[in-house]
Amino acid sequence: MDLRAKLDSLIAKTDLDVSDKQRQQLLGYVELLNKWNKAYNLTSVRDPADMLVKHILDSIVVSPYLNGERFIDVGTGPGLPGIPLAIMNPDKNFVLLDSLGKRIRFIKQVLHELGITNVTAVQSRVEEYDPEGGFDAVLSRAFASMSDMVEWCQHLPRANSGVFFALKGQLPQEEISLLPEWCSVTDVKALKVPELEGERHLVILSRKG
């Protein structure tokens, strides 16, 4: 099965509305990730068809929950979930943050080649990144434990309304129990990712008001 047919069949198993242009961009991203991965070792997933499930679908199922206009993806790696979400939401703005130069170089190449204009790639440690104004949500996928994430990123959400989005596998009860006093879980969404084994959850956290 070619990659476009595979992507189309995966999307058909969700409620997501994905235009032809968005599908082309998602495939273009997978092709670039596969090409660069050979030299830069950006992901342990080697097969482009697996990337569609484990990277693309696993990211875009979060799209319906993105409320607001400004988002930051911390520890984005090769741009996950930030690039797929930016493709899905061309009207929203994303900052993709990572401390490794090779990852940021790759992301900038993706933005250039695919014509993605709503992403800013930033090479920085998260503790040292000082944005102007806050973000509506801070996204994290495979970045750190939730307590580390909220401690390191507590300067990033918009005051009073910003939230943290932690993309997790099984619901991490132990991590939830270790959260700092000022932070609490406000919602948990069970995510359905077609053809992905195991559970996926979106844990939404916010500062206690």
N, C-alpha and C. Protein backbone atom coordinates (compact mmCIF):
# COMPACT_ATOMS: atom_id res chain seq x y z
N MET A 1 0.85 -1.21 0.00
CA MET A 1 0.00 0.00 0.00
C MET A 1 0.88 1.25 0.00
N ASP A 2 0.58 2.21 -0.86
CA ASP A 2 1.39 3.41 -0.84
C ASP A 2 1.02 4.28 0.37
N LEU A 3 1.89 5.22 0.67
CA LEU A 3 1.73 5.99 1.90
C LEU A 3 0.46 6.84 1.89
N ARG A 4 0.12 7.41 0.73
CA ARG A 4 -1.09 8.23 0.69
C ARG A 4 -2.33 7.38 0.98
N ALA A 5 -2.38 6.19 0.40
CA ALA A 5 -3.53 5.31 0.65
C ALA A 5 -3.58 4.91 2.12
N LYS A 6 -2.41 4.66 2.69
CA LYS A 6 -2.33 4.30 4.11
C LYS A 6 -2.82 5.45 4.99
N LEU A 7 -2.35 6.66 4.69
CA LEU A 7 -2.78 7.83 5.46
C LEU A 7 -4.28 8.03 5.34
N ASP A 8 -4.80 7.92 4.11
CA ASP A 8 -6.24 8.10 3.90
C ASP A 8 -7.05 7.08 4.71
N SER A 9 -6.59 5.83 4.74
CA SER A 9 -7.33 4.80 5.46
C SER A 9 -7.29 5.04 6.97
N LEU A 10 -6.16 5.55 7.48
CA LEU A 10 -6.06 5.86 8.91
C LEU A 10 -6.99 7.02 9.28
N ILE A 11 -6.94 8.08 8.47
CA ILE A 11 -7.78 9.25 8.77
C ILE A 11 -9.26 8.88 8.70
N ALA A 12 -9.60 7.97 7.80
CA ALA A 12 -11.00 7.55 7.66
C ALA A 12 -11.53 6.88 8.93
N LYS A 13 -10.63 6.38 9.77
CA LYS A 13 -11.03 5.73 11.02
C LYS A 13 -11.16 6.72 12.17
N THR A 14 -11.01 8.00 11.87
CA THR A 14 -11.17 9.04 12.90
C THR A 14 -12.30 9.98 12.47
N ASP A 15 -12.59 10.97 13.33
CA ASP A 15 -13.59 12.00 12.98
C ASP A 15 -12.92 13.26 12.44
N LEU A 16 -11.62 13.18 12.14
CA LEU A 16 -10.88 14.37 11.76
C LEU A 16 -11.20 14.79 10.32
N ASP A 17 -11.25 16.09 10.13
CA ASP A 17 -11.46 16.67 8.80
C ASP A 17 -10.10 17.14 8.29
N VAL A 18 -9.57 16.45 7.29
CA VAL A 18 -8.20 16.74 6.80
C VAL A 18 -8.26 17.00 5.30
N SER A 19 -7.88 18.21 4.90
CA SER A 19 -7.97 18.58 3.48
C SER A 19 -6.89 17.87 2.67
N ASP A 20 -7.02 17.95 1.36
CA ASP A 20 -6.03 17.34 0.48
C ASP A 20 -4.66 17.98 0.70
N LYS A 21 -4.63 19.30 0.83
CA LYS A 21 -3.35 19.99 1.05
C LYS A 21 -2.71 19.53 2.36
N GLN A 22 -3.52 19.39 3.40
CA GLN A 22 -2.99 18.94 4.69
C GLN A 22 -2.44 17.52 4.59
N ARG A 23 -3.13 16.67 3.87
CA ARG A 23 -2.64 15.29 3.68
C ARG A 23 -1.30 15.30 2.95
N GLN A 24 -1.19 16.15 1.93
CA GLN A 24 0.08 16.25 1.19
C GLN A 24 1.21 16.71 2.12
N GLN A 25 0.91 17.68 2.98
CA GLN A 25 1.94 18.20 3.89
C GLN A 25 2.33 17.14 4.94
N LEU A 26 1.35 16.41 5.46
CA LEU A 26 1.65 15.35 6.43
C LEU A 26 2.54 14.29 5.80
N LEU A 27 2.24 13.92 4.57
CA LEU A 27 3.07 12.94 3.86
C LEU A 27 4.46 13.51 3.57
N GLY A 28 4.51 14.78 3.19
CA GLY A 28 5.81 15.41 2.93
C GLY A 28 6.67 15.41 4.18
N TYR A 29 6.06 15.64 5.32
CA TYR A 29 6.80 15.60 6.59
C TYR A 29 7.36 14.21 6.85
N VAL A 30 6.55 13.19 6.65
CA VAL A 30 7.02 11.81 6.86
C VAL A 30 8.17 11.49 5.92
N GLU A 31 8.06 11.93 4.68
CA GLU A 31 9.12 11.64 3.71
C GLU A 31 10.43 12.33 4.11
N LEU A 32 10.34 13.58 4.58
CA LEU A 32 11.54 14.29 5.03
C LEU A 32 12.10 13.66 6.30
N LEU A 33 11.23 13.26 7.20
CA LEU A 33 11.68 12.62 8.44
C LEU A 33 12.41 11.32 8.12
N ASN A 34 11.87 10.56 7.21
CA ASN A 34 12.50 9.30 6.82
C ASN A 34 13.86 9.56 6.17
N LYS A 35 13.92 10.59 5.33
CA LYS A 35 15.17 10.89 4.61
C LYS A 35 16.26 11.38 5.58
N TRP A 36 15.91 12.31 6.43
CA TRP A 36 16.89 12.88 7.37
C TRP A 36 17.25 11.90 8.48
N ASN A 37 16.34 11.00 8.78
CA ASN A 37 16.55 10.09 9.90
C ASN A 37 17.78 9.22 9.69
N LYS A 38 18.08 8.91 8.44
CA LYS A 38 19.21 8.03 8.13
C LYS A 38 20.52 8.65 8.60
N ALA A 39 20.64 9.97 8.50
CA ALA A 39 21.88 10.65 8.89
C ALA A 39 21.81 11.24 10.30
N TYR A 40 20.62 11.71 10.69
CA TYR A 40 20.51 12.48 11.94
C TYR A 40 19.94 11.69 13.11
N ASN A 41 19.40 10.50 12.82
CA ASN A 41 18.83 9.67 13.89
C ASN A 41 17.81 10.45 14.73
N LEU A 42 16.77 10.93 14.08
CA LEU A 42 15.78 11.79 14.72
C LEU A 42 14.70 11.01 15.45
N THR A 43 14.44 9.77 15.01
CA THR A 43 13.41 8.94 15.64
C THR A 43 13.81 7.48 15.53
N SER A 44 13.38 6.70 16.51
CA SER A 44 13.68 5.26 16.48
C SER A 44 12.73 4.52 15.54
N VAL A 45 11.67 5.21 15.08
CA VAL A 45 10.73 4.59 14.13
C VAL A 45 11.34 4.70 12.73
N ARG A 46 11.60 3.56 12.11
CA ARG A 46 12.33 3.56 10.83
C ARG A 46 11.43 3.46 9.61
N ASP A 47 10.27 2.86 9.77
CA ASP A 47 9.40 2.58 8.64
C ASP A 47 8.41 3.72 8.45
N PRO A 48 8.36 4.36 7.27
CA PRO A 48 7.43 5.48 7.05
C PRO A 48 5.98 5.11 7.33
N ALA A 49 5.57 3.88 7.04
CA ALA A 49 4.18 3.49 7.33
C ALA A 49 3.93 3.49 8.84
N ASP A 50 4.93 3.06 9.62
CA ASP A 50 4.81 3.12 11.08
C ASP A 50 4.79 4.57 11.57
N MET A 51 5.56 5.43 10.89
CA MET A 51 5.57 6.85 11.27
C MET A 51 4.17 7.45 11.15
N LEU A 52 3.42 7.02 10.13
CA LEU A 52 2.06 7.55 9.95
C LEU A 52 1.20 7.26 11.18
N VAL A 53 1.35 6.06 11.74
CA VAL A 53 0.56 5.69 12.91
C VAL A 53 1.14 6.31 14.18
N LYS A 54 2.43 6.07 14.42
CA LYS A 54 3.05 6.39 15.71
C LYS A 54 3.39 7.86 15.87
N HIS A 55 3.53 8.57 14.75
CA HIS A 55 3.89 9.99 14.83
C HIS A 55 2.76 10.89 14.33
N ILE A 56 2.24 10.62 13.14
CA ILE A 56 1.26 11.54 12.55
C ILE A 56 -0.10 11.40 13.24
N LEU A 57 -0.68 10.20 13.21
CA LEU A 57 -2.01 10.03 13.81
C LEU A 57 -1.95 10.26 15.31
N ASP A 58 -0.87 9.80 15.95
CA ASP A 58 -0.73 9.96 17.39
C ASP A 58 -0.68 11.44 17.78
N SER A 59 -0.25 12.29 16.87
CA SER A 59 -0.22 13.73 17.12
C SER A 59 -1.55 14.40 16.77
N ILE A 60 -2.08 14.10 15.58
CA ILE A 60 -3.23 14.90 15.12
C ILE A 60 -4.53 14.57 15.85
N VAL A 61 -4.60 13.42 16.55
CA VAL A 61 -5.82 13.14 17.32
C VAL A 61 -6.01 14.15 18.45
N VAL A 62 -4.96 14.91 18.78
CA VAL A 62 -5.07 15.93 19.83
C VAL A 62 -5.70 17.21 19.28
N SER A 63 -5.72 17.36 17.97
CA SER A 63 -6.13 18.61 17.34
C SER A 63 -7.48 19.16 17.82
N PRO A 64 -8.52 18.31 17.98
CA PRO A 64 -9.81 18.86 18.40
C PRO A 64 -9.79 19.55 19.77
N TYR A 65 -8.76 19.30 20.57
CA TYR A 65 -8.73 19.85 21.94
C TYR A 65 -7.93 21.15 22.03
N LEU A 66 -7.40 21.62 20.91
CA LEU A 66 -6.58 22.83 20.94
C LEU A 66 -7.46 24.08 20.93
N ASN A 67 -7.69 24.64 22.09
CA ASN A 67 -8.45 25.88 22.20
C ASN A 67 -7.48 27.04 22.40
N GLY A 68 -7.65 28.07 21.57
CA GLY A 68 -6.76 29.21 21.68
C GLY A 68 -6.00 29.44 20.39
N GLU A 69 -4.96 30.27 20.47
CA GLU A 69 -4.23 30.70 19.27
C GLU A 69 -2.74 30.44 19.34
N ARG A 70 -2.16 30.41 20.55
CA ARG A 70 -0.69 30.28 20.66
C ARG A 70 -0.35 29.04 21.47
N PHE A 71 0.53 28.23 20.86
CA PHE A 71 0.90 26.97 21.50
C PHE A 71 2.42 26.79 21.44
N ILE A 72 2.95 26.10 22.44
CA ILE A 72 4.37 25.77 22.41
C ILE A 72 4.53 24.26 22.65
N ASP A 73 5.36 23.65 21.83
CA ASP A 73 5.67 22.23 21.94
C ASP A 73 7.08 22.14 22.51
N VAL A 74 7.18 21.71 23.78
CA VAL A 74 8.48 21.68 24.46
C VAL A 74 9.12 20.31 24.29
N GLY A 75 10.45 20.31 24.07
CA GLY A 75 11.13 19.05 23.80
C GLY A 75 10.56 18.40 22.56
N THR A 76 10.41 19.19 21.51
CA THR A 76 9.67 18.77 20.32
C THR A 76 10.36 17.66 19.53
N GLY A 77 11.69 17.46 19.78
CA GLY A 77 12.40 16.44 19.00
C GLY A 77 12.40 16.84 17.53
N PRO A 78 11.97 15.92 16.65
CA PRO A 78 11.92 16.27 15.23
C PRO A 78 10.65 17.02 14.83
N GLY A 79 9.89 17.53 15.84
CA GLY A 79 8.70 18.32 15.54
C GLY A 79 7.40 17.62 15.88
N LEU A 80 7.42 16.84 16.94
CA LEU A 80 6.24 16.06 17.32
C LEU A 80 5.78 16.42 18.73
N PRO A 81 4.51 16.74 18.90
CA PRO A 81 3.42 16.74 17.92
C PRO A 81 3.25 18.04 17.14
N GLY A 82 4.21 18.97 17.31
CA GLY A 82 4.00 20.34 16.82
C GLY A 82 3.76 20.48 15.33
N ILE A 83 4.58 19.81 14.50
CA ILE A 83 4.41 20.00 13.05
C ILE A 83 3.08 19.42 12.55
N PRO A 84 2.73 18.18 12.90
CA PRO A 84 1.42 17.69 12.46
C PRO A 84 0.26 18.57 12.95
N LEU A 85 0.35 19.07 14.19
CA LEU A 85 -0.72 19.92 14.71
C LEU A 85 -0.76 21.27 14.00
N ALA A 86 0.42 21.80 13.65
CA ALA A 86 0.46 23.07 12.92
C ALA A 86 -0.15 22.91 11.52
N ILE A 87 0.11 21.77 10.89
CA ILE A 87 -0.49 21.49 9.58
C ILE A 87 -2.01 21.41 9.71
N MET A 88 -2.48 20.81 10.77
CA MET A 88 -3.92 20.66 10.99
C MET A 88 -4.60 21.98 11.36
N ASN A 89 -3.82 22.93 11.90
CA ASN A 89 -4.39 24.19 12.41
C ASN A 89 -3.63 25.39 11.85
N PRO A 90 -3.79 25.66 10.54
CA PRO A 90 -3.01 26.74 9.93
C PRO A 90 -3.35 28.12 10.48
N ASP A 91 -4.47 28.23 11.19
CA ASP A 91 -4.88 29.52 11.76
C ASP A 91 -4.31 29.75 13.16
N LYS A 92 -3.60 28.76 13.71
CA LYS A 92 -3.01 28.90 15.04
C LYS A 92 -1.48 28.99 14.91
N ASN A 93 -0.84 29.53 15.93
CA ASN A 93 0.61 29.71 15.90
C ASN A 93 1.30 28.78 16.89
N PHE A 94 2.41 28.21 16.45
CA PHE A 94 3.14 27.22 17.25
C PHE A 94 4.61 27.61 17.37
N VAL A 95 5.14 27.49 18.59
CA VAL A 95 6.58 27.55 18.81
C VAL A 95 7.03 26.12 19.10
N LEU A 96 8.06 25.67 18.38
CA LEU A 96 8.63 24.34 18.61
C LEU A 96 10.00 24.52 19.23
N LEU A 97 10.16 23.99 20.43
CA LEU A 97 11.36 24.25 21.23
C LEU A 97 12.14 22.96 21.44
N ASP A 98 13.44 23.01 21.17
CA ASP A 98 14.30 21.87 21.48
C ASP A 98 15.71 22.40 21.69
N SER A 99 16.47 21.70 22.53
CA SER A 99 17.82 22.16 22.83
C SER A 99 18.86 21.67 21.83
N LEU A 100 18.49 20.69 20.97
CA LEU A 100 19.46 20.11 20.03
C LEU A 100 19.39 20.80 18.67
N GLY A 101 20.53 21.30 18.23
CA GLY A 101 20.59 22.04 16.98
C GLY A 101 20.16 21.22 15.77
N LYS A 102 20.54 19.94 15.74
CA LYS A 102 20.21 19.15 14.54
C LYS A 102 18.70 19.00 14.38
N ARG A 103 17.98 18.92 15.48
CA ARG A 103 16.52 18.81 15.41
C ARG A 103 15.91 20.11 14.88
N ILE A 104 16.41 21.24 15.39
CA ILE A 104 15.88 22.53 14.95
C ILE A 104 16.22 22.78 13.48
N ARG A 105 17.41 22.37 13.04
CA ARG A 105 17.76 22.49 11.62
C ARG A 105 16.81 21.67 10.75
N PHE A 106 16.50 20.47 11.21
CA PHE A 106 15.56 19.64 10.47
C PHE A 106 14.18 20.31 10.39
N ILE A 107 13.69 20.80 11.52
CA ILE A 107 12.37 21.44 11.55
C ILE A 107 12.33 22.64 10.59
N LYS A 108 13.39 23.45 10.60
CA LYS A 108 13.42 24.62 9.71
C LYS A 108 13.39 24.19 8.24
N GLN A 109 14.06 23.09 7.93
CA GLN A 109 14.03 22.58 6.56
C GLN A 109 12.62 22.12 6.19
N VAL A 110 11.94 21.46 7.12
CA VAL A 110 10.55 21.02 6.89
C VAL A 110 9.66 22.22 6.62
N LEU A 111 9.77 23.24 7.45
CA LEU A 111 8.93 24.44 7.30
C LEU A 111 9.16 25.06 5.92
N HIS A 112 10.43 25.12 5.52
CA HIS A 112 10.79 25.71 4.23
C HIS A 112 10.23 24.88 3.07
N GLU A 113 10.48 23.58 3.10
CA GLU A 113 10.10 22.73 1.97
C GLU A 113 8.58 22.56 1.85
N LEU A 114 7.88 22.55 2.97
CA LEU A 114 6.44 22.29 2.93
C LEU A 114 5.60 23.57 2.96
N GLY A 115 6.28 24.72 3.07
CA GLY A 115 5.55 25.99 3.06
C GLY A 115 4.68 26.19 4.29
N ILE A 116 5.18 25.75 5.44
CA ILE A 116 4.43 25.92 6.70
C ILE A 116 4.85 27.26 7.30
N THR A 117 3.88 28.14 7.51
CA THR A 117 4.20 29.52 7.91
C THR A 117 3.78 29.86 9.34
N ASN A 118 3.15 28.90 10.04
CA ASN A 118 2.64 29.21 11.38
C ASN A 118 3.45 28.56 12.49
N VAL A 119 4.73 28.27 12.20
CA VAL A 119 5.62 27.64 13.18
C VAL A 119 6.90 28.45 13.31
N THR A 120 7.34 28.65 14.55
CA THR A 120 8.65 29.23 14.84
C THR A 120 9.48 28.17 15.56
N ALA A 121 10.64 27.84 15.00
CA ALA A 121 11.52 26.83 15.62
C ALA A 121 12.57 27.55 16.46
N VAL A 122 12.72 27.12 17.71
CA VAL A 122 13.62 27.79 18.65
C VAL A 122 14.54 26.77 19.30
N GLN A 123 15.85 27.02 19.20
CA GLN A 123 16.80 26.16 19.91
C GLN A 123 17.10 26.78 21.27
N SER A 124 16.64 26.11 22.32
CA SER A 124 16.82 26.64 23.67
C SER A 124 16.46 25.56 24.68
N ARG A 125 17.06 25.64 25.84
CA ARG A 125 16.56 24.84 26.96
C ARG A 125 15.27 25.51 27.44
N VAL A 126 14.31 24.69 27.84
CA VAL A 126 12.99 25.24 28.16
C VAL A 126 13.06 26.22 29.33
N GLU A 127 13.95 25.94 30.30
CA GLU A 127 14.05 26.82 31.47
C GLU A 127 14.55 28.20 31.09
N GLU A 128 15.32 28.28 29.98
CA GLU A 128 15.94 29.54 29.59
C GLU A 128 15.12 30.31 28.56
N TYR A 129 14.05 29.69 28.09
CA TYR A 129 13.25 30.34 27.04
C TYR A 129 12.26 31.30 27.67
N ASP A 130 12.34 32.56 27.24
CA ASP A 130 11.47 33.59 27.84
C ASP A 130 10.59 34.19 26.75
N PRO A 131 9.34 33.72 26.64
CA PRO A 131 8.46 34.22 25.59
C PRO A 131 7.83 35.55 25.99
N GLU A 132 7.45 36.30 25.01
CA GLU A 132 6.66 37.51 25.29
C GLU A 132 5.20 37.10 25.34
N GLY A 133 4.56 37.34 26.45
CA GLY A 133 3.18 36.86 26.61
C GLY A 133 3.22 35.35 26.79
N GLY A 134 2.13 34.78 27.23
CA GLY A 134 2.12 33.35 27.48
C GLY A 134 1.46 32.58 26.35
N PHE A 135 1.36 31.28 26.56
CA PHE A 135 0.75 30.40 25.57
C PHE A 135 -0.58 29.86 26.10
N ASP A 136 -1.49 29.58 25.16
CA ASP A 136 -2.77 29.00 25.56
C ASP A 136 -2.59 27.57 26.06
N ALA A 137 -1.61 26.86 25.47
CA ALA A 137 -1.30 25.51 25.97
C ALA A 137 0.17 25.19 25.72
N VAL A 138 0.74 24.47 26.68
CA VAL A 138 2.11 23.95 26.58
C VAL A 138 1.99 22.46 26.30
N LEU A 139 2.48 22.03 25.15
CA LEU A 139 2.36 20.63 24.73
C LEU A 139 3.63 19.86 25.03
N SER A 140 3.46 18.64 25.49
CA SER A 140 4.62 17.81 25.76
C SER A 140 4.29 16.36 25.40
N ARG A 141 5.17 15.76 24.60
CA ARG A 141 5.00 14.36 24.20
C ARG A 141 6.34 13.68 24.42
N ALA A 142 6.38 12.73 25.32
CA ALA A 142 7.63 12.00 25.58
C ALA A 142 8.77 12.93 25.97
N PHE A 143 8.45 13.97 26.71
CA PHE A 143 9.46 14.97 27.07
C PHE A 143 10.00 14.74 28.48
N ALA A 144 9.14 14.53 29.42
CA ALA A 144 9.55 14.41 30.82
C ALA A 144 8.36 13.92 31.63
N SER A 145 8.62 13.63 32.90
CA SER A 145 7.49 13.33 33.79
C SER A 145 6.62 14.58 33.91
N MET A 146 5.37 14.40 34.29
CA MET A 146 4.48 15.57 34.36
C MET A 146 4.93 16.57 35.42
N SER A 147 5.48 16.10 36.53
CA SER A 147 5.92 17.05 37.54
C SER A 147 7.12 17.86 37.04
N ASP A 148 8.06 17.19 36.35
CA ASP A 148 9.18 17.94 35.76
C ASP A 148 8.68 18.91 34.70
N MET A 149 7.74 18.45 33.89
CA MET A 149 7.22 19.30 32.82
C MET A 149 6.61 20.60 33.38
N VAL A 150 5.74 20.46 34.37
CA VAL A 150 5.08 21.68 34.87
C VAL A 150 6.05 22.57 35.64
N GLU A 151 7.04 21.96 36.32
CA GLU A 151 8.03 22.78 37.04
C GLU A 151 8.90 23.56 36.06
N TRP A 152 9.40 22.87 35.03
CA TRP A 152 10.29 23.52 34.06
C TRP A 152 9.55 24.53 33.19
N CYS A 153 8.27 24.30 32.98
CA CYS A 153 7.50 25.10 32.00
C CYS A 153 6.50 26.04 32.66
N GLN A 154 6.60 26.24 33.97
CA GLN A 154 5.53 26.98 34.64
C GLN A 154 5.48 28.45 34.22
N HIS A 155 6.56 28.94 33.59
CA HIS A 155 6.57 30.35 33.12
C HIS A 155 5.95 30.50 31.73
N LEU A 156 5.51 29.39 31.12
CA LEU A 156 5.07 29.44 29.72
C LEU A 156 3.57 29.63 29.50
N PRO A 157 2.69 29.04 30.32
CA PRO A 157 1.25 29.22 30.03
C PRO A 157 0.81 30.65 30.26
N ARG A 158 -0.19 31.06 29.51
CA ARG A 158 -0.79 32.37 29.69
C ARG A 158 -1.35 32.48 31.11
N ALA A 159 -1.16 33.62 31.75
CA ALA A 159 -1.65 33.80 33.12
C ALA A 159 -3.16 33.60 33.16
N ASN A 160 -3.61 32.87 34.14
CA ASN A 160 -5.04 32.62 34.43
C ASN A 160 -5.73 31.63 33.50
N SER A 161 -5.29 31.54 32.22
CA SER A 161 -6.04 30.68 31.31
C SER A 161 -5.22 29.59 30.63
N GLY A 162 -3.89 29.71 30.67
CA GLY A 162 -3.05 28.74 29.97
C GLY A 162 -3.05 27.38 30.66
N VAL A 163 -2.90 26.32 29.86
CA VAL A 163 -2.92 24.95 30.40
C VAL A 163 -1.71 24.17 29.89
N PHE A 164 -1.51 23.01 30.50
CA PHE A 164 -0.49 22.06 30.05
C PHE A 164 -1.18 20.86 29.41
N PHE A 165 -0.67 20.39 28.29
CA PHE A 165 -1.16 19.19 27.63
C PHE A 165 -0.04 18.15 27.66
N ALA A 166 -0.22 17.08 28.41
CA ALA A 166 0.76 16.00 28.43
C ALA A 166 0.20 14.82 27.64
N LEU A 167 0.89 14.43 26.56
CA LEU A 167 0.49 13.28 25.77
C LEU A 167 1.16 12.04 26.36
N LYS A 168 0.33 11.13 26.83
CA LYS A 168 0.84 9.97 27.56
C LYS A 168 0.26 8.68 27.00
N GLY A 169 0.87 7.58 27.41
CA GLY A 169 0.34 6.27 27.06
C GLY A 169 -0.73 5.89 28.06
N GLN A 170 -0.42 4.92 28.91
CA GLN A 170 -1.35 4.60 29.99
C GLN A 170 -1.49 5.81 30.91
N LEU A 171 -2.63 5.92 31.56
CA LEU A 171 -2.83 7.04 32.48
C LEU A 171 -1.84 6.93 33.63
N PRO A 172 -0.95 7.91 33.78
CA PRO A 172 0.15 7.78 34.73
C PRO A 172 -0.25 8.23 36.15
N GLN A 173 -0.93 7.35 36.86
CA GLN A 173 -1.43 7.72 38.20
C GLN A 173 -0.30 8.13 39.14
N GLU A 174 0.83 7.45 39.04
CA GLU A 174 1.94 7.79 39.94
C GLU A 174 2.45 9.21 39.66
N GLU A 175 2.57 9.54 38.36
CA GLU A 175 3.01 10.90 38.02
C GLU A 175 2.01 11.94 38.52
N ILE A 176 0.73 11.62 38.40
CA ILE A 176 -0.30 12.56 38.86
C ILE A 176 -0.17 12.79 40.37
N SER A 177 0.13 11.72 41.09
CA SER A 177 0.24 11.83 42.56
C SER A 177 1.45 12.67 42.98
N LEU A 178 2.43 12.82 42.09
CA LEU A 178 3.66 13.56 42.42
C LEU A 178 3.63 15.02 41.94
N LEU A 179 2.50 15.45 41.40
CA LEU A 179 2.42 16.83 40.91
C LEU A 179 2.59 17.83 42.05
N PRO A 180 3.19 18.99 41.79
CA PRO A 180 3.34 20.00 42.84
C PRO A 180 1.99 20.55 43.30
N GLU A 181 2.00 21.15 44.46
CA GLU A 181 0.78 21.66 45.09
C GLU A 181 -0.02 22.59 44.20
N TRP A 182 0.68 23.43 43.44
CA TRP A 182 0.02 24.50 42.69
C TRP A 182 -0.66 24.02 41.41
N CYS A 183 -0.47 22.76 41.08
CA CYS A 183 -0.94 22.28 39.78
C CYS A 183 -1.88 21.09 39.95
N SER A 184 -2.90 21.01 39.12
CA SER A 184 -3.81 19.87 39.22
C SER A 184 -4.30 19.43 37.84
N VAL A 185 -4.75 18.18 37.77
CA VAL A 185 -5.32 17.64 36.53
C VAL A 185 -6.75 18.15 36.41
N THR A 186 -7.05 18.80 35.29
CA THR A 186 -8.41 19.32 35.10
C THR A 186 -9.24 18.44 34.17
N ASP A 187 -8.56 17.64 33.35
CA ASP A 187 -9.31 16.76 32.44
C ASP A 187 -8.38 15.69 31.90
N VAL A 188 -8.95 14.56 31.55
CA VAL A 188 -8.21 13.48 30.89
C VAL A 188 -9.04 13.01 29.70
N LYS A 189 -8.43 12.99 28.54
CA LYS A 189 -9.10 12.52 27.32
C LYS A 189 -8.45 11.21 26.88
N ALA A 190 -9.26 10.17 26.75
CA ALA A 190 -8.75 8.93 26.16
C ALA A 190 -8.71 9.12 24.65
N LEU A 191 -7.54 8.91 24.07
CA LEU A 191 -7.36 9.14 22.64
C LEU A 191 -7.43 7.81 21.88
N LYS A 192 -8.09 7.83 20.75
CA LYS A 192 -8.14 6.63 19.90
C LYS A 192 -7.25 6.87 18.69
N VAL A 193 -6.17 6.11 18.62
CA VAL A 193 -5.23 6.21 17.50
C VAL A 193 -5.34 4.93 16.68
N PRO A 194 -5.87 5.01 15.45
CA PRO A 194 -6.05 3.80 14.64
C PRO A 194 -4.74 3.02 14.49
N GLU A 195 -4.84 1.70 14.70
CA GLU A 195 -3.73 0.76 14.48
C GLU A 195 -2.58 0.92 15.47
N LEU A 196 -2.77 1.72 16.51
CA LEU A 196 -1.72 1.84 17.52
C LEU A 196 -2.03 0.94 18.70
N GLU A 197 -1.07 0.09 19.04
CA GLU A 197 -1.28 -0.79 20.20
C GLU A 197 -1.08 0.01 21.48
N GLY A 198 -1.84 -0.35 22.50
CA GLY A 198 -1.69 0.32 23.78
C GLY A 198 -2.57 1.55 23.91
N GLU A 199 -2.70 2.02 25.13
CA GLU A 199 -3.55 3.17 25.42
C GLU A 199 -2.83 4.48 25.12
N ARG A 200 -3.62 5.52 24.82
CA ARG A 200 -3.08 6.87 24.70
C ARG A 200 -4.02 7.81 25.43
N HIS A 201 -3.44 8.73 26.18
CA HIS A 201 -4.25 9.69 26.93
C HIS A 201 -3.67 11.10 26.76
N LEU A 202 -4.58 12.06 26.73
CA LEU A 202 -4.19 13.46 26.84
C LEU A 202 -4.56 13.93 28.23
N VAL A 203 -3.55 14.30 29.01
CA VAL A 203 -3.78 14.78 30.37
C VAL A 203 -3.66 16.30 30.36
N ILE A 204 -4.74 16.98 30.77
CA ILE A 204 -4.76 18.44 30.77
C ILE A 204 -4.60 18.92 32.20
N LEU A 205 -3.60 19.78 32.40
CA LEU A 205 -3.27 20.26 33.74
C LEU A 205 -3.33 21.79 33.75
N SER A 206 -3.65 22.33 34.91
CA SER A 206 -3.63 23.79 35.01
C SER A 206 -3.26 24.21 36.42
N ARG A 207 -2.86 25.46 36.51
CA ARG A 207 -2.50 26.06 37.82
C ARG A 207 -3.78 26.21 38.65
N LYS A 208 -3.71 25.83 39.89
CA LYS A 208 -4.89 25.98 40.75
C LYS A 208 -5.17 27.45 40.96
N GLY A 209 -6.42 27.81 40.75
CA GLY A 209 -6.77 29.22 40.76
C GLY A 209 -6.91 29.79 42.13
